[in-house]
Amino acid sequence: SRHAQLIAGKVDLKAAAALMEDLCKTDGYDSQEYSARHICIASCSQDQADRVIEIRRDPRVPMGGEVWISALCLGEMIAKRQIVVGRHVMELGAGTGYVGIIAAALGSDVLLTDRSSCIPMMEENIVRNGVQDLARPLVLEWGSPFEID
């Protein structure tokens, strides 16, 4: 599959471009100003239902208000467990929180960082997906010092 070619280190640029195009076509965005992206995380056990992640985006938030193609690709790979994330994850430039929320839904403790303009949308997405016990937002302005509690 195209996913396997990407993971195995055999990066075929045509396959990567086709994968990204496929990801953008999947039940992604509607045409409303505020829209949601849905992704299904398959359950590891038969006793547990699959989980749907819903992300609100806001094109009025510069840069961080969108779910970028790179995040779609990485999120899909994490959701399908083609990339294994650690117990603790820090996402830099998290924007909507898409990738970090997927990692939190799979049980990782996640710190999502971005500019202050992204935090309200990120917080909404964290709560909307019920991962507030595992994911927390933190303002991180590039070039400014910060401390993690």
Protein backbone atom coordinates (compact mmCIF):
# COMPACT_ATOMS: atom_id res chain seq x y z
CA SER A 1 0.00 0.00 0.00
CA ARG A 2 1.01 3.62 -0.30
CA HIS A 3 1.19 3.86 3.51
CA ALA A 4 3.59 0.92 3.69
CA GLN A 5 5.83 2.45 1.02
CA LEU A 6 6.10 5.65 3.03
CA ILE A 7 6.78 3.91 6.34
CA ALA A 8 9.34 1.46 5.02
CA GLY A 9 11.59 4.34 4.02
CA LYS A 10 10.91 3.79 0.34
CA VAL A 11 9.56 7.28 -0.12
CA ASP A 12 8.02 7.35 -3.55
CA LEU A 13 7.11 10.98 -4.22
CA LYS A 14 4.22 9.99 -6.49
CA ALA A 15 2.84 7.68 -3.80
CA ALA A 16 3.25 10.40 -1.17
CA ALA A 17 1.44 12.96 -3.33
CA ALA A 18 -1.36 10.47 -4.03
CA LEU A 19 -1.66 9.66 -0.32
CA MET A 20 -1.97 13.33 0.58
CA GLU A 21 -4.56 13.82 -2.14
CA ASP A 22 -6.54 10.82 -0.81
CA LEU A 23 -6.38 12.17 2.74
CA CYS A 24 -7.73 15.54 1.64
CA LYS A 25 -10.65 13.87 -0.15
CA THR A 26 -11.70 11.72 2.80
CA ASP A 27 -14.71 12.87 4.80
CA GLY A 28 -12.73 15.98 5.62
CA TYR A 29 -13.85 19.55 5.35
CA ASP A 30 -17.20 20.96 4.43
CA SER A 31 -17.39 24.41 2.89
CA GLN A 32 -18.53 26.27 6.00
CA GLU A 33 -16.30 28.85 7.63
CA TYR A 34 -16.01 26.59 10.66
CA SER A 35 -15.76 22.97 9.73
CA ALA A 36 -14.70 19.72 11.28
CA ARG A 37 -12.41 16.93 10.18
CA HIS A 38 -13.37 13.46 11.30
CA ILE A 39 -11.00 10.54 11.60
CA CYS A 40 -11.77 7.08 12.91
CA ILE A 41 -9.25 5.46 15.24
CA ALA A 42 -9.68 1.72 15.06
CA SER A 43 -9.91 0.02 18.42
CA CYS A 44 -7.21 -2.46 19.41
CA SER A 45 -9.72 -4.71 21.15
CA GLN A 46 -13.03 -6.21 20.14
CA ASP A 47 -14.58 -4.99 23.41
CA GLN A 48 -14.00 -1.34 22.57
CA ALA A 49 -15.69 0.68 19.83
CA ASP A 50 -13.76 2.64 17.25
CA ARG A 51 -13.29 6.30 18.17
CA VAL A 52 -14.05 9.29 15.97
CA ILE A 53 -11.95 12.42 16.39
CA GLU A 54 -13.63 15.68 15.43
CA ILE A 55 -11.57 18.83 14.88
CA ARG A 56 -12.90 22.33 14.38
CA ARG A 57 -10.75 24.57 12.25
CA ASP A 58 -10.94 28.33 11.90
CA PRO A 59 -9.41 29.94 8.81
CA ARG A 60 -9.48 33.31 10.60
CA VAL A 61 -6.62 32.12 12.85
CA PRO A 62 -3.45 32.72 10.80
CA MET A 63 -1.54 29.52 10.00
CA GLY A 64 -2.70 27.50 13.03
CA GLY A 65 -6.39 27.58 12.16
CA GLU A 66 -6.04 24.93 9.46
CA VAL A 67 -5.22 21.24 9.56
CA TRP A 68 -2.27 21.10 7.18
CA ILE A 69 -1.65 18.22 4.78
CA SER A 70 1.42 17.14 6.75
CA ALA A 71 -0.75 16.87 9.90
CA LEU A 72 -3.38 14.87 7.99
CA CYS A 73 -0.74 12.42 6.85
CA LEU A 74 0.94 12.10 10.27
CA GLY A 75 -2.40 11.87 12.08
CA GLU A 76 -3.60 9.13 9.76
CA MET A 77 -0.41 7.14 10.29
CA ILE A 78 -0.65 7.49 14.09
CA ALA A 79 -4.36 6.59 14.08
CA LYS A 80 -3.63 3.45 12.04
CA ARG A 81 -0.69 2.70 14.35
CA GLN A 82 1.78 2.83 11.47
CA ILE A 83 3.83 5.21 13.62
CA VAL A 84 4.05 4.50 17.33
CA VAL A 85 4.06 7.52 19.64
CA GLY A 86 5.60 7.51 23.09
CA ARG A 87 3.96 7.81 26.46
CA HIS A 88 4.81 11.53 26.58
CA VAL A 89 4.42 13.72 23.50
CA MET A 90 5.10 17.41 22.93
CA GLU A 91 3.70 18.89 19.74
CA LEU A 92 5.28 22.14 18.53
CA GLY A 93 3.03 24.34 16.41
CA ALA A 94 -0.03 22.22 17.18
CA GLY A 95 -2.55 24.69 15.72
CA THR A 96 -5.92 22.94 15.94
CA GLY A 97 -4.37 20.15 18.02
CA TYR A 98 -5.21 17.48 15.43
CA VAL A 99 -2.10 15.29 15.72
CA GLY A 100 -1.73 15.65 19.50
CA ILE A 101 -5.40 14.85 20.08
CA ILE A 102 -5.03 11.63 18.10
CA ALA A 103 -1.98 10.73 20.23
CA ALA A 104 -3.95 11.53 23.42
CA ALA A 105 -6.88 9.42 22.21
CA LEU A 106 -4.43 6.53 21.97
CA GLY A 107 -3.27 7.10 25.57
CA SER A 108 -0.26 9.41 25.34
CA ASP A 109 0.18 12.32 27.74
CA VAL A 110 0.38 15.26 25.31
CA LEU A 111 1.52 18.86 25.63
CA LEU A 112 0.23 20.87 22.66
CA THR A 113 2.03 24.17 22.03
CA ASP A 114 1.37 27.11 19.73
CA ARG A 115 0.85 30.86 19.65
CA SER A 116 -1.77 32.37 21.94
CA SER A 117 -4.17 32.92 19.01
CA CYS A 118 -4.48 29.12 18.58
CA ILE A 119 -5.11 28.20 22.22
CA PRO A 120 -8.91 28.79 22.41
CA MET A 121 -9.57 26.65 19.32
CA MET A 122 -7.13 24.00 20.56
CA GLU A 123 -8.82 23.92 23.99
CA GLU A 124 -12.23 23.54 22.34
CA ASN A 125 -10.95 20.60 20.26
CA ILE A 126 -9.38 18.95 23.31
CA VAL A 127 -12.67 19.13 25.24
CA ARG A 128 -14.78 18.18 22.19
CA ASN A 129 -12.79 14.95 21.92
CA GLY A 130 -12.76 14.16 25.63
CA VAL A 131 -8.99 14.07 26.02
CA GLN A 132 -8.61 16.87 28.58
CA ASP A 133 -7.12 14.41 31.09
CA LEU A 134 -4.29 13.59 28.67
CA ALA A 135 -3.84 16.70 26.52
CA ARG A 136 -3.10 20.22 27.65
CA PRO A 137 -2.38 23.36 25.66
CA LEU A 138 0.50 25.71 26.37
CA VAL A 139 1.31 29.06 24.76
CA LEU A 140 4.71 28.92 23.09
CA GLU A 141 5.72 31.98 21.13
CA TRP A 142 8.81 31.19 19.08
CA GLY A 143 11.84 33.09 20.35
CA SER A 144 10.38 33.58 23.83
CA PRO A 145 11.60 31.63 26.89
CA PHE A 146 9.10 29.34 28.61
CA GLU A 147 8.93 26.86 31.47
CA ILE A 148 7.01 23.61 31.67
CA ASP A 149 5.41 22.86 35.04
